Amino acid sequence: MSLSKRLHRLIAWLALCVMLFVAAAPSISRALASNSQISWMEVCSATGSSL
């Protein structure tokens, strides 16, 4: 296998891994956030923001 084909394959695998990470990042972030002790969220409304 030539160097250019190896490099192309490496870049393709790297791109695939990055796409999978980007697709899974929101789910991972929500799962980690749900385990935190903070259970409130600021909500903005027409009368102002409240907790």
PDB file of N, CA and C in Angstrom:
ATOM      1  N   MET A   1       0.849  -1.170   0.000  1.00  0.00           N
ATOM      2  CA  MET A   1       0.000   0.000   0.000  1.00  0.00           C
ATOM      3  C   MET A   1       0.897   1.236   0.000  1.00  0.00           C
ATOM      4  N   SER A   2       0.644   2.150  -0.874  1.00  0.00           N
ATOM      5  CA  SER A   2       1.483   3.333  -0.963  1.00  0.00           C
ATOM      6  C   SER A   2       1.182   4.285   0.194  1.00  0.00           C
ATOM      7  N   LEU A   3       2.082   5.218   0.377  1.00  0.00           N
ATOM      8  CA  LEU A   3       1.950   6.169   1.478  1.00  0.00           C
ATOM      9  C   LEU A   3       0.691   7.021   1.335  1.00  0.00           C
ATOM     10  N   SER A   4       0.366   7.408   0.122  1.00  0.00           N
ATOM     11  CA  SER A   4      -0.816   8.243  -0.067  1.00  0.00           C
ATOM     12  C   SER A   4      -2.097   7.482   0.278  1.00  0.00           C
ATOM     13  N   LYS A   5      -2.145   6.192  -0.039  1.00  0.00           N
ATOM     14  CA  LYS A   5      -3.327   5.404   0.322  1.00  0.00           C
ATOM     15  C   LYS A   5      -3.397   5.225   1.831  1.00  0.00           C
ATOM     16  N   ARG A   6      -2.251   5.008   2.475  1.00  0.00           N
ATOM     17  CA  ARG A   6      -2.233   4.898   3.940  1.00  0.00           C
ATOM     18  C   ARG A   6      -2.706   6.191   4.590  1.00  0.00           C
ATOM     19  N   LEU A   7      -2.190   7.299   4.082  1.00  0.00           N
ATOM     20  CA  LEU A   7      -2.570   8.601   4.633  1.00  0.00           C
ATOM     21  C   LEU A   7      -4.061   8.853   4.425  1.00  0.00           C
ATOM     22  N   HIS A   8      -4.557   8.507   3.249  1.00  0.00           N
ATOM     23  CA  HIS A   8      -5.981   8.686   2.966  1.00  0.00           C
ATOM     24  C   HIS A   8      -6.830   7.842   3.911  1.00  0.00           C
ATOM     25  N   ARG A   9      -6.425   6.599   4.142  1.00  0.00           N
ATOM     26  CA  ARG A   9      -7.167   5.721   5.035  1.00  0.00           C
ATOM     27  C   ARG A   9      -7.130   6.252   6.473  1.00  0.00           C
ATOM     28  N   LEU A  10      -5.979   6.740   6.903  1.00  0.00           N
ATOM     29  CA  LEU A  10      -5.844   7.306   8.247  1.00  0.00           C
ATOM     30  C   LEU A  10      -6.743   8.525   8.427  1.00  0.00           C
ATOM     31  N   ILE A  11      -6.746   9.385   7.439  1.00  0.00           N
ATOM     32  CA  ILE A  11      -7.595  10.582   7.502  1.00  0.00           C
ATOM     33  C   ILE A  11      -9.061  10.195   7.498  1.00  0.00           C
ATOM     34  N   ALA A  12      -9.430   9.185   6.722  1.00  0.00           N
ATOM     35  CA  ALA A  12     -10.827   8.735   6.688  1.00  0.00           C
ATOM     36  C   ALA A  12     -11.250   8.178   8.046  1.00  0.00           C
ATOM     37  N   TRP A  13     -10.386   7.385   8.682  1.00  0.00           N
ATOM     38  CA  TRP A  13     -10.707   6.850  10.011  1.00  0.00           C
ATOM     39  C   TRP A  13     -10.804   7.970  11.042  1.00  0.00           C
ATOM     40  N   LEU A  14      -9.897   8.918  10.965  1.00  0.00           N
ATOM     41  CA  LEU A  14      -9.930  10.041  11.890  1.00  0.00           C
ATOM     42  C   LEU A  14     -11.218  10.843  11.718  1.00  0.00           C
ATOM     43  N   ALA A  15     -11.605  11.093  10.476  1.00  0.00           N
ATOM     44  CA  ALA A  15     -12.844  11.819  10.206  1.00  0.00           C
ATOM     45  C   ALA A  15     -14.057  11.050  10.725  1.00  0.00           C
ATOM     46  N   LEU A  16     -14.061   9.741  10.553  1.00  0.00           N
ATOM     47  CA  LEU A  16     -15.164   8.915  11.050  1.00  0.00           C
ATOM     48  C   LEU A  16     -15.256   8.989  12.572  1.00  0.00           C
ATOM     49  N   CYS A  17     -14.128   8.895  13.248  1.00  0.00           N
ATOM     50  CA  CYS A  17     -14.119   8.981  14.713  1.00  0.00           C
ATOM     51  C   CYS A  17     -14.602  10.348  15.190  1.00  0.00           C
ATOM     52  N   VAL A  18     -14.179  11.393  14.515  1.00  0.00           N
ATOM     53  CA  VAL A  18     -14.624  12.742  14.881  1.00  0.00           C
ATOM     54  C   VAL A  18     -16.128  12.883  14.683  1.00  0.00           C
ATOM     55  N   MET A  19     -16.651  12.359  13.583  1.00  0.00           N
ATOM     56  CA  MET A  19     -18.098  12.444  13.338  1.00  0.00           C
ATOM     57  C   MET A  19     -18.888  11.674  14.389  1.00  0.00           C
ATOM     58  N   LEU A  20     -18.403  10.513  14.782  1.00  0.00           N
ATOM     59  CA  LEU A  20     -19.086   9.741  15.825  1.00  0.00           C
ATOM     60  C   LEU A  20     -19.051  10.480  17.158  1.00  0.00           C
ATOM     61  N   PHE A  21     -17.915  11.105  17.480  1.00  0.00           N
ATOM     62  CA  PHE A  21     -17.820  11.854  18.721  1.00  0.00           C
ATOM     63  C   PHE A  21     -18.762  13.044  18.708  1.00  0.00           C
ATOM     64  N   VAL A  22     -18.814  13.762  17.595  1.00  0.00           N
ATOM     65  CA  VAL A  22     -19.692  14.926  17.493  1.00  0.00           C
ATOM     66  C   VAL A  22     -21.154  14.508  17.591  1.00  0.00           C
ATOM     67  N   ALA A  23     -21.498  13.367  17.035  1.00  0.00           N
ATOM     68  CA  ALA A  23     -22.878  12.895  17.105  1.00  0.00           C
ATOM     69  C   ALA A  23     -23.248  12.467  18.523  1.00  0.00           C
ATOM     70  N   ALA A  24     -22.295  11.920  19.273  1.00  0.00           N
ATOM     71  CA  ALA A  24     -22.574  11.424  20.615  1.00  0.00           C
ATOM     72  C   ALA A  24     -22.371  12.492  21.694  1.00  0.00           C
ATOM     73  N   ALA A  25     -21.715  13.584  21.385  1.00  0.00           N
ATOM     74  CA  ALA A  25     -21.388  14.597  22.395  1.00  0.00           C
ATOM     75  C   ALA A  25     -22.614  15.156  23.130  1.00  0.00           C
ATOM     76  N   PRO A  26     -23.710  15.502  22.459  1.00  0.00           N
ATOM     77  CA  PRO A  26     -24.871  16.012  23.206  1.00  0.00           C
ATOM     78  C   PRO A  26     -25.430  15.007  24.210  1.00  0.00           C
ATOM     79  N   SER A  27     -25.492  13.751  23.828  1.00  0.00           N
ATOM     80  CA  SER A  27     -26.005  12.723  24.735  1.00  0.00           C
ATOM     81  C   SER A  27     -25.080  12.540  25.935  1.00  0.00           C
ATOM     82  N   ILE A  28     -23.792  12.524  25.674  1.00  0.00           N
ATOM     83  CA  ILE A  28     -22.821  12.390  26.760  1.00  0.00           C
ATOM     84  C   ILE A  28     -22.888  13.587  27.681  1.00  0.00           C
ATOM     85  N   SER A  29     -23.013  14.768  27.111  1.00  0.00           N
ATOM     86  CA  SER A  29     -23.102  15.986  27.908  1.00  0.00           C
ATOM     87  C   SER A  29     -24.346  15.975  28.804  1.00  0.00           C
ATOM     88  N   ARG A  30     -25.473  15.567  28.255  1.00  0.00           N
ATOM     89  CA  ARG A  30     -26.705  15.510  29.062  1.00  0.00           C
ATOM     90  C   ARG A  30     -26.602  14.470  30.160  1.00  0.00           C
ATOM     91  N   ALA A  31     -25.990  13.346  29.866  1.00  0.00           N
ATOM     92  CA  ALA A  31     -25.843  12.293  30.872  1.00  0.00           C
ATOM     93  C   ALA A  31     -24.937  12.768  32.010  1.00  0.00           C
ATOM     94  N   LEU A  32     -23.875  13.451  31.677  1.00  0.00           N
ATOM     95  CA  LEU A  32     -22.977  13.960  32.716  1.00  0.00           C
ATOM     96  C   LEU A  32     -23.633  15.082  33.510  1.00  0.00           C
ATOM     97  N   ALA A  33     -24.413  15.915  32.844  1.00  0.00           N
ATOM     98  CA  ALA A  33     -25.076  17.017  33.529  1.00  0.00           C
ATOM     99  C   ALA A  33     -26.181  16.515  34.457  1.00  0.00           C
ATOM    100  N   SER A  34     -26.830  15.436  34.100  1.00  0.00           N
ATOM    101  CA  SER A  34     -27.911  14.927  34.944  1.00  0.00           C
ATOM    102  C   SER A  34     -27.370  14.338  36.242  1.00  0.00           C
ATOM    103  N   ASN A  35     -26.097  13.972  36.272  1.00  0.00           N
ATOM    104  CA  ASN A  35     -25.495  13.433  37.480  1.00  0.00           C
ATOM    105  C   ASN A  35     -25.005  14.524  38.424  1.00  0.00           C
ATOM    106  N   SER A  36     -25.036  15.767  37.993  1.00  0.00           N
ATOM    107  CA  SER A  36     -24.555  16.848  38.855  1.00  0.00           C
ATOM    108  C   SER A  36     -25.583  17.159  39.940  1.00  0.00           C
ATOM    109  N   GLN A  37     -25.161  17.838  40.963  1.00  0.00           N
ATOM    110  CA  GLN A  37     -26.028  18.152  42.102  1.00  0.00           C
ATOM    111  C   GLN A  37     -26.927  19.359  41.836  1.00  0.00           C
ATOM    112  N   ILE A  38     -26.641  20.132  40.816  1.00  0.00           N
ATOM    113  CA  ILE A  38     -27.449  21.311  40.507  1.00  0.00           C
ATOM    114  C   ILE A  38     -28.695  20.863  39.753  1.00  0.00           C
ATOM    115  N   SER A  39     -29.859  21.188  40.299  1.00  0.00           N
ATOM    116  CA  SER A  39     -31.092  20.745  39.662  1.00  0.00           C
ATOM    117  C   SER A  39     -32.015  21.910  39.332  1.00  0.00           C
ATOM    118  N   TRP A  40     -31.458  23.081  39.120  1.00  0.00           N
ATOM    119  CA  TRP A  40     -32.269  24.226  38.765  1.00  0.00           C
ATOM    120  C   TRP A  40     -31.792  24.795  37.448  1.00  0.00           C
ATOM    121  N   MET A  41     -32.679  25.572  36.830  1.00  0.00           N
ATOM    122  CA  MET A  41     -32.362  26.172  35.546  1.00  0.00           C
ATOM    123  C   MET A  41     -32.999  27.544  35.500  1.00  0.00           C
ATOM    124  N   GLU A  42     -32.285  28.506  34.970  1.00  0.00           N
ATOM    125  CA  GLU A  42     -32.835  29.842  34.831  1.00  0.00           C
ATOM    126  C   GLU A  42     -33.761  29.869  33.624  1.00  0.00           C
ATOM    127  N   VAL A  43     -34.945  30.437  33.817  1.00  0.00           N
ATOM    128  CA  VAL A  43     -35.938  30.507  32.753  1.00  0.00           C
ATOM    129  C   VAL A  43     -36.265  31.966  32.491  1.00  0.00           C
ATOM    130  N   CYS A  44     -36.177  32.375  31.257  1.00  0.00           N
ATOM    131  CA  CYS A  44     -36.517  33.753  30.881  1.00  0.00           C
ATOM    132  C   CYS A  44     -37.962  33.799  30.417  1.00  0.00           C
ATOM    133  N   SER A  45     -38.690  34.789  30.907  1.00  0.00           N
ATOM    134  CA  SER A  45     -40.089  34.948  30.509  1.00  0.00           C
ATOM    135  C   SER A  45     -40.343  36.423  30.212  1.00  0.00           C
ATOM    136  N   ALA A  46     -41.567  36.749  29.882  1.00  0.00           N
ATOM    137  CA  ALA A  46     -41.918  38.139  29.565  1.00  0.00           C
ATOM    138  C   ALA A  46     -41.808  39.024  30.795  1.00  0.00           C
ATOM    139  N   THR A  47     -41.972  38.470  31.990  1.00  0.00           N
ATOM    140  CA  THR A  47     -41.898  39.259  33.227  1.00  0.00           C
ATOM    141  C   THR A  47     -40.490  39.298  33.807  1.00  0.00           C
ATOM    142  N   GLY A  48     -39.562  38.674  33.164  1.00  0.00           N
ATOM    143  CA  GLY A  48     -38.169  38.655  33.648  1.00  0.00           C
ATOM    144  C   GLY A  48     -37.710  37.231  33.873  1.00  0.00           C
ATOM    145  N   SER A  49     -36.467  37.102  34.280  1.00  0.00           N
ATOM    146  CA  SER A  49     -35.935  35.762  34.483  1.00  0.00           C
ATOM    147  C   SER A  49     -36.184  35.300  35.917  1.00  0.00           C
ATOM    148  N   SER A  50     -36.358  34.003  36.075  1.00  0.00           N
ATOM    149  CA  SER A  50     -36.586  33.426  37.395  1.00  0.00           C
ATOM    150  C   SER A  50     -35.905  32.058  37.452  1.00  0.00           C
ATOM    151  N   LEU A  51     -35.685  31.594  38.665  1.00  0.00           N
ATOM    152  CA  LEU A  51     -35.038  30.291  38.847  1.00  0.00           C
ATOM    153  C   LEU A  51     -36.061  29.216  39.083  1.00  0.00           C
TER     154      LEU A  51
END
